[in-house]
Amino acid sequence: MHNQSRKQHRNGIKKPRSQRYESLKGVDPTFLRNMRFAKKHNKKGLKKMQANNAKAISAQALFTRIDIKLNIH
């Protein structure tokens, strides 16, 4: 059983590949249940938030156009 470390290093000792989503197997069931409800209710304000962001971006674009016009003339 000699030389094993050298043989392993010749191929390079690599880190294990990480998964994007780690398995939730064996996790506390009450935590999982709460997480499920949190995900469900997280979607409620999403459309409202996206609409507000779109309004803010359009207003910002309008002000930059006004500033450009004022600076040119």
PDB file of N, CA and C in Angstrom:
ATOM      1  N   MET A   1       0.820  -1.194   0.000  1.00  0.00           N
ATOM      2  CA  MET A   1       0.000   0.000   0.000  1.00  0.00           C
ATOM      3  C   MET A   1       0.867   1.261   0.000  1.00  0.00           C
ATOM      4  N   HIS A   2       2.087   1.166  -0.527  1.00  0.00           N
ATOM      5  CA  HIS A   2       2.887   2.377  -0.620  1.00  0.00           C
ATOM      6  C   HIS A   2       2.578   3.079  -1.942  1.00  0.00           C
ATOM      7  N   ASN A   3       3.022   4.316  -2.079  1.00  0.00           N
ATOM      8  CA  ASN A   3       2.954   5.057  -3.341  1.00  0.00           C
ATOM      9  C   ASN A   3       1.546   5.555  -3.697  1.00  0.00           C
ATOM     10  N   GLN A   4       0.562   5.318  -2.826  1.00  0.00           N
ATOM     11  CA  GLN A   4      -0.819   5.681  -3.183  1.00  0.00           C
ATOM     12  C   GLN A   4      -0.986   7.196  -3.286  1.00  0.00           C
ATOM     13  N   SER A   5      -0.370   7.922  -2.358  1.00  0.00           N
ATOM     14  CA  SER A   5      -0.505   9.377  -2.356  1.00  0.00           C
ATOM     15  C   SER A   5       0.073   9.966  -3.636  1.00  0.00           C
ATOM     16  N   ARG A   6       1.212   9.441  -4.068  1.00  0.00           N
ATOM     17  CA  ARG A   6       1.842   9.946  -5.290  1.00  0.00           C
ATOM     18  C   ARG A   6       0.961   9.656  -6.499  1.00  0.00           C
ATOM     19  N   LYS A   7       0.405   8.438  -6.551  1.00  0.00           N
ATOM     20  CA  LYS A   7      -0.460   8.066  -7.670  1.00  0.00           C
ATOM     21  C   LYS A   7      -1.706   8.962  -7.719  1.00  0.00           C
ATOM     22  N   GLN A   8      -2.232   9.293  -6.540  1.00  0.00           N
ATOM     23  CA  GLN A   8      -3.418  10.153  -6.499  1.00  0.00           C
ATOM     24  C   GLN A   8      -3.087  11.566  -6.974  1.00  0.00           C
ATOM     25  N   HIS A   9      -1.924  12.065  -6.601  1.00  0.00           N
ATOM     26  CA  HIS A   9      -1.554  13.421  -6.993  1.00  0.00           C
ATOM     27  C   HIS A   9      -1.192  13.518  -8.468  1.00  0.00           C
ATOM     28  N   ARG A  10      -0.793  12.428  -9.081  1.00  0.00           N
ATOM     29  CA  ARG A  10      -0.467  12.473 -10.512  1.00  0.00           C
ATOM     30  C   ARG A  10      -1.706  12.793 -11.334  1.00  0.00           C
ATOM     31  N   ASN A  11      -2.849  12.280 -10.901  1.00  0.00           N
ATOM     32  CA  ASN A  11      -4.103  12.599 -11.582  1.00  0.00           C
ATOM     33  C   ASN A  11      -4.714  13.892 -11.063  1.00  0.00           C
ATOM     34  N   GLY A  12      -4.184  14.393  -9.983  1.00  0.00           N
ATOM     35  CA  GLY A  12      -4.730  15.600  -9.385  1.00  0.00           C
ATOM     36  C   GLY A  12      -5.866  15.245  -8.446  1.00  0.00           C
ATOM     37  N   ILE A  13      -5.806  15.784  -7.233  1.00  0.00           N
ATOM     38  CA  ILE A  13      -6.886  15.540  -6.282  1.00  0.00           C
ATOM     39  C   ILE A  13      -7.900  16.648  -6.496  1.00  0.00           C
ATOM     40  N   LYS A  14      -9.075  16.279  -6.989  1.00  0.00           N
ATOM     41  CA  LYS A  14     -10.093  17.262  -7.364  1.00  0.00           C
ATOM     42  C   LYS A  14     -11.140  17.386  -6.270  1.00  0.00           C
ATOM     43  N   LYS A  15     -11.731  18.587  -6.194  1.00  0.00           N
ATOM     44  CA  LYS A  15     -12.841  18.792  -5.264  1.00  0.00           C
ATOM     45  C   LYS A  15     -14.081  18.130  -5.834  1.00  0.00           C
ATOM     46  N   PRO A  16     -14.982  17.674  -4.974  1.00  0.00           N
ATOM     47  CA  PRO A  16     -16.216  17.082  -5.492  1.00  0.00           C
ATOM     48  C   PRO A  16     -17.058  18.137  -6.196  1.00  0.00           C
ATOM     49  N   ARG A  17     -17.706  17.748  -7.284  1.00  0.00           N
ATOM     50  CA  ARG A  17     -18.546  18.683  -8.036  1.00  0.00           C
ATOM     51  C   ARG A  17     -19.724  19.107  -7.176  1.00  0.00           C
ATOM     52  N   SER A  18     -20.007  20.390  -7.181  1.00  0.00           N
ATOM     53  CA  SER A  18     -21.130  20.868  -6.373  1.00  0.00           C
ATOM     54  C   SER A  18     -22.389  20.917  -7.228  1.00  0.00           C
ATOM     55  N   GLN A  19     -23.488  20.521  -6.632  1.00  0.00           N
ATOM     56  CA  GLN A  19     -24.779  20.552  -7.318  1.00  0.00           C
ATOM     57  C   GLN A  19     -25.379  21.943  -7.174  1.00  0.00           C
ATOM     58  N   ARG A  20     -26.210  22.339  -8.142  1.00  0.00           N
ATOM     59  CA  ARG A  20     -26.862  23.644  -8.064  1.00  0.00           C
ATOM     60  C   ARG A  20     -27.845  23.670  -6.900  1.00  0.00           C
ATOM     61  N   TYR A  21     -28.686  22.656  -6.808  1.00  0.00           N
ATOM     62  CA  TYR A  21     -29.664  22.579  -5.728  1.00  0.00           C
ATOM     63  C   TYR A  21     -29.356  21.351  -4.878  1.00  0.00           C
ATOM     64  N   GLU A  22     -28.997  21.598  -3.647  1.00  0.00           N
ATOM     65  CA  GLU A  22     -28.687  20.500  -2.745  1.00  0.00           C
ATOM     66  C   GLU A  22     -29.980  19.793  -2.348  1.00  0.00           C
ATOM     67  N   SER A  23     -29.916  18.501  -2.176  1.00  0.00           N
ATOM     68  CA  SER A  23     -31.092  17.704  -1.826  1.00  0.00           C
ATOM     69  C   SER A  23     -31.631  18.118  -0.461  1.00  0.00           C
ATOM     70  N   LEU A  24     -32.956  18.123  -0.332  1.00  0.00           N
ATOM     71  CA  LEU A  24     -33.589  18.459   0.944  1.00  0.00           C
ATOM     72  C   LEU A  24     -34.010  17.201   1.698  1.00  0.00           C
ATOM     73  N   LYS A  25     -33.451  16.087   1.296  1.00  0.00           N
ATOM     74  CA  LYS A  25     -33.754  14.815   1.938  1.00  0.00           C
ATOM     75  C   LYS A  25     -33.199  14.827   3.362  1.00  0.00           C
ATOM     76  N   GLY A  26     -34.039  14.486   4.317  1.00  0.00           N
ATOM     77  CA  GLY A  26     -33.600  14.428   5.706  1.00  0.00           C
ATOM     78  C   GLY A  26     -33.669  15.758   6.426  1.00  0.00           C
ATOM     79  N   VAL A  27     -34.245  16.789   5.794  1.00  0.00           N
ATOM     80  CA  VAL A  27     -34.360  18.104   6.427  1.00  0.00           C
ATOM     81  C   VAL A  27     -35.633  18.118   7.275  1.00  0.00           C
ATOM     82  N   ASP A  28     -35.631  18.917   8.324  1.00  0.00           N
ATOM     83  CA  ASP A  28     -36.757  19.028   9.251  1.00  0.00           C
ATOM     84  C   ASP A  28     -38.063  19.301   8.497  1.00  0.00           C
ATOM     85  N   PRO A  29     -39.093  18.450   8.664  1.00  0.00           N
ATOM     86  CA  PRO A  29     -40.339  18.600   7.904  1.00  0.00           C
ATOM     87  C   PRO A  29     -41.063  19.919   8.148  1.00  0.00           C
ATOM     88  N   THR A  30     -41.014  20.443   9.384  1.00  0.00           N
ATOM     89  CA  THR A  30     -41.698  21.717   9.640  1.00  0.00           C
ATOM     90  C   THR A  30     -40.998  22.848   8.895  1.00  0.00           C
ATOM     91  N   PHE A  31     -39.689  22.778   8.806  1.00  0.00           N
ATOM     92  CA  PHE A  31     -38.933  23.778   8.046  1.00  0.00           C
ATOM     93  C   PHE A  31     -39.299  23.712   6.571  1.00  0.00           C
ATOM     94  N   LEU A  32     -39.393  22.484   6.032  1.00  0.00           N
ATOM     95  CA  LEU A  32     -39.747  22.312   4.620  1.00  0.00           C
ATOM     96  C   LEU A  32     -41.138  22.859   4.336  1.00  0.00           C
ATOM     97  N   ARG A  33     -42.065  22.600   5.256  1.00  0.00           N
ATOM     98  CA  ARG A  33     -43.438  23.065   5.086  1.00  0.00           C
ATOM     99  C   ARG A  33     -43.474  24.589   5.073  1.00  0.00           C
ATOM    100  N   ASN A  34     -42.756  25.195   5.998  1.00  0.00           N
ATOM    101  CA  ASN A  34     -42.698  26.656   6.058  1.00  0.00           C
ATOM    102  C   ASN A  34     -42.050  27.218   4.800  1.00  0.00           C
ATOM    103  N   MET A  35     -41.011  26.564   4.317  1.00  0.00           N
ATOM    104  CA  MET A  35     -40.329  27.021   3.106  1.00  0.00           C
ATOM    105  C   MET A  35     -41.263  26.966   1.904  1.00  0.00           C
ATOM    106  N   ARG A  36     -42.093  25.923   1.853  1.00  0.00           N
ATOM    107  CA  ARG A  36     -43.041  25.774   0.755  1.00  0.00           C
ATOM    108  C   ARG A  36     -44.047  26.929   0.756  1.00  0.00           C
ATOM    109  N   PHE A  37     -44.563  27.285   1.937  1.00  0.00           N
ATOM    110  CA  PHE A  37     -45.513  28.394   2.029  1.00  0.00           C
ATOM    111  C   PHE A  37     -44.829  29.721   1.699  1.00  0.00           C
ATOM    112  N   ALA A  38     -43.590  29.881   2.140  1.00  0.00           N
ATOM    113  CA  ALA A  38     -42.856  31.119   1.866  1.00  0.00           C
ATOM    114  C   ALA A  38     -42.658  31.297   0.367  1.00  0.00           C
ATOM    115  N   LYS A  39     -42.309  30.208  -0.339  1.00  0.00           N
ATOM    116  CA  LYS A  39     -42.145  30.277  -1.792  1.00  0.00           C
ATOM    117  C   LYS A  39     -43.456  30.633  -2.464  1.00  0.00           C
ATOM    118  N   LYS A  40     -44.544  30.036  -1.961  1.00  0.00           N
ATOM    119  CA  LYS A  40     -45.869  30.256  -2.550  1.00  0.00           C
ATOM    120  C   LYS A  40     -46.269  31.725  -2.432  1.00  0.00           C
ATOM    121  N   HIS A  41     -46.074  32.310  -1.252  1.00  0.00           N
ATOM    122  CA  HIS A  41     -46.516  33.685  -1.025  1.00  0.00           C
ATOM    123  C   HIS A  41     -45.508  34.711  -1.517  1.00  0.00           C
ATOM    124  N   ASN A  42     -44.332  34.268  -1.870  1.00  0.00           N
ATOM    125  CA  ASN A  42     -43.313  35.158  -2.415  1.00  0.00           C
ATOM    126  C   ASN A  42     -43.728  35.666  -3.786  1.00  0.00           C
ATOM    127  N   LYS A  43     -44.538  34.876  -4.506  1.00  0.00           N
ATOM    128  CA  LYS A  43     -44.933  35.216  -5.867  1.00  0.00           C
ATOM    129  C   LYS A  43     -46.025  36.278  -5.900  1.00  0.00           C
ATOM    130  N   LYS A  44     -46.701  36.508  -4.758  1.00  0.00           N
ATOM    131  CA  LYS A  44     -47.837  37.427  -4.734  1.00  0.00           C
ATOM    132  C   LYS A  44     -47.438  38.851  -5.106  1.00  0.00           C
ATOM    133  N   GLY A  45     -46.366  39.373  -4.533  1.00  0.00           N
ATOM    134  CA  GLY A  45     -45.975  40.754  -4.776  1.00  0.00           C
ATOM    135  C   GLY A  45     -45.075  40.932  -5.978  1.00  0.00           C
ATOM    136  N   LEU A  46     -44.777  39.849  -6.689  1.00  0.00           N
ATOM    137  CA  LEU A  46     -43.805  39.908  -7.778  1.00  0.00           C
ATOM    138  C   LEU A  46     -44.275  40.804  -8.917  1.00  0.00           C
ATOM    139  N   LYS A  47     -45.526  40.633  -9.374  1.00  0.00           N
ATOM    140  CA  LYS A  47     -46.033  41.432 -10.492  1.00  0.00           C
ATOM    141  C   LYS A  47     -46.114  42.902 -10.120  1.00  0.00           C
ATOM    142  N   LYS A  48     -46.528  43.178  -8.889  1.00  0.00           N
ATOM    143  CA  LYS A  48     -46.626  44.559  -8.422  1.00  0.00           C
ATOM    144  C   LYS A  48     -45.238  45.210  -8.411  1.00  0.00           C
ATOM    145  N   MET A  49     -44.257  44.457  -7.944  1.00  0.00           N
ATOM    146  CA  MET A  49     -42.895  44.963  -7.877  1.00  0.00           C
ATOM    147  C   MET A  49     -42.342  45.211  -9.279  1.00  0.00           C
ATOM    148  N   GLN A  50     -42.613  44.297 -10.216  1.00  0.00           N
ATOM    149  CA  GLN A  50     -42.140  44.466 -11.586  1.00  0.00           C
ATOM    150  C   GLN A  50     -42.768  45.695 -12.231  1.00  0.00           C
ATOM    151  N   ALA A  51     -44.055  45.947 -11.967  1.00  0.00           N
ATOM    152  CA  ALA A  51     -44.736  47.123 -12.513  1.00  0.00           C
ATOM    153  C   ALA A  51     -44.106  48.400 -11.967  1.00  0.00           C
ATOM    154  N   ASN A  52     -43.811  48.419 -10.669  1.00  0.00           N
ATOM    155  CA  ASN A  52     -43.178  49.598 -10.065  1.00  0.00           C
ATOM    156  C   ASN A  52     -41.792  49.842 -10.651  1.00  0.00           C
ATOM    157  N   ASN A  53     -41.045  48.774 -10.884  1.00  0.00           N
ATOM    158  CA  ASN A  53     -39.711  48.913 -11.474  1.00  0.00           C
ATOM    159  C   ASN A  53     -39.797  49.469 -12.886  1.00  0.00           C
ATOM    160  N   ALA A  54     -40.786  49.000 -13.657  1.00  0.00           N
ATOM    161  CA  ALA A  54     -40.949  49.483 -15.028  1.00  0.00           C
ATOM    162  C   ALA A  54     -41.291  50.967 -15.032  1.00  0.00           C
ATOM    163  N   LYS A  55     -42.155  51.394 -14.108  1.00  0.00           N
ATOM    164  CA  LYS A  55     -42.518  52.816 -14.008  1.00  0.00           C
ATOM    165  C   LYS A  55     -41.287  53.655 -13.678  1.00  0.00           C
ATOM    166  N   ALA A  56     -40.494  53.182 -12.736  1.00  0.00           N
ATOM    167  CA  ALA A  56     -39.309  53.928 -12.315  1.00  0.00           C
ATOM    168  C   ALA A  56     -38.310  54.050 -13.460  1.00  0.00           C
ATOM    169  N   ILE A  57     -38.127  52.984 -14.215  1.00  0.00           N
ATOM    170  CA  ILE A  57     -37.176  53.008 -15.332  1.00  0.00           C
ATOM    171  C   ILE A  57     -37.651  53.956 -16.423  1.00  0.00           C
ATOM    172  N   SER A  58     -38.967  53.932 -16.728  1.00  0.00           N
ATOM    173  CA  SER A  58     -39.485  54.823 -17.771  1.00  0.00           C
ATOM    174  C   SER A  58     -39.386  56.283 -17.331  1.00  0.00           C
ATOM    175  N   ALA A  59     -39.644  56.556 -16.047  1.00  0.00           N
ATOM    176  CA  ALA A  59     -39.526  57.923 -15.542  1.00  0.00           C
ATOM    177  C   ALA A  59     -38.079  58.400 -15.621  1.00  0.00           C
ATOM    178  N   GLN A  60     -37.154  57.522 -15.294  1.00  0.00           N
ATOM    179  CA  GLN A  60     -35.739  57.875 -15.347  1.00  0.00           C
ATOM    180  C   GLN A  60     -35.325  58.176 -16.785  1.00  0.00           C
ATOM    181  N   ALA A  61     -35.809  57.373 -17.726  1.00  0.00           N
ATOM    182  CA  ALA A  61     -35.487  57.598 -19.135  1.00  0.00           C
ATOM    183  C   ALA A  61     -36.051  58.930 -19.604  1.00  0.00           C
ATOM    184  N   LEU A  62     -37.260  59.261 -19.157  1.00  0.00           N
ATOM    185  CA  LEU A  62     -37.888  60.530 -19.536  1.00  0.00           C
ATOM    186  C   LEU A  62     -37.053  61.704 -19.037  1.00  0.00           C
ATOM    187  N   PHE A  63     -36.617  61.650 -17.776  1.00  0.00           N
ATOM    188  CA  PHE A  63     -35.821  62.740 -17.218  1.00  0.00           C
ATOM    189  C   PHE A  63     -34.473  62.877 -17.917  1.00  0.00           C
ATOM    190  N   THR A  64     -33.863  61.774 -18.295  1.00  0.00           N
ATOM    191  CA  THR A  64     -32.578  61.867 -18.991  1.00  0.00           C
ATOM    192  C   THR A  64     -32.769  62.493 -20.369  1.00  0.00           C
ATOM    193  N   ARG A  65     -33.899  62.180 -21.048  1.00  0.00           N
ATOM    194  CA  ARG A  65     -34.172  62.815 -22.344  1.00  0.00           C
ATOM    195  C   ARG A  65     -34.362  64.316 -22.181  1.00  0.00           C
ATOM    196  N   ILE A  66     -35.070  64.727 -21.125  1.00  0.00           N
ATOM    197  CA  ILE A  66     -35.294  66.153 -20.872  1.00  0.00           C
ATOM    198  C   ILE A  66     -33.963  66.841 -20.596  1.00  0.00           C
ATOM    199  N   ASP A  67     -33.112  66.213 -19.788  1.00  0.00           N
ATOM    200  CA  ASP A  67     -31.803  66.788 -19.476  1.00  0.00           C
ATOM    201  C   ASP A  67     -30.961  66.955 -20.735  1.00  0.00           C
ATOM    202  N   ILE A  68     -30.993  65.971 -21.617  1.00  0.00           N
ATOM    203  CA  ILE A  68     -30.214  66.040 -22.852  1.00  0.00           C
ATOM    204  C   ILE A  68     -30.703  67.197 -23.715  1.00  0.00           C
ATOM    205  N   LYS A  69     -32.030  67.350 -23.827  1.00  0.00           N
ATOM    206  CA  LYS A  69     -32.591  68.442 -24.628  1.00  0.00           C
ATOM    207  C   LYS A  69     -32.200  69.795 -24.053  1.00  0.00           C
ATOM    208  N   LEU A  70     -32.236  69.939 -22.731  1.00  0.00           N
ATOM    209  CA  LEU A  70     -31.897  71.210 -22.100  1.00  0.00           C
ATOM    210  C   LEU A  70     -30.421  71.544 -22.284  1.00  0.00           C
ATOM    211  N   ASN A  71     -29.565  70.562 -22.250  1.00  0.00           N
ATOM    212  CA  ASN A  71     -28.130  70.801 -22.386  1.00  0.00           C
ATOM    213  C   ASN A  71     -27.740  71.142 -23.819  1.00  0.00           C
ATOM    214  N   ILE A  72     -28.462  70.599 -24.796  1.00  0.00           N
ATOM    215  CA  ILE A  72     -28.121  70.853 -26.200  1.00  0.00           C
ATOM    216  C   ILE A  72     -28.501  72.275 -26.598  1.00  0.00           C
ATOM    217  N   HIS A  73     -29.666  72.761 -26.201  1.00  0.00           N
ATOM    218  CA  HIS A  73     -30.153  74.080 -26.633  1.00  0.00           C
ATOM    219  C   HIS A  73     -29.626  75.139 -25.764  1.00  0.00           C
TER     220      HIS A  73
END
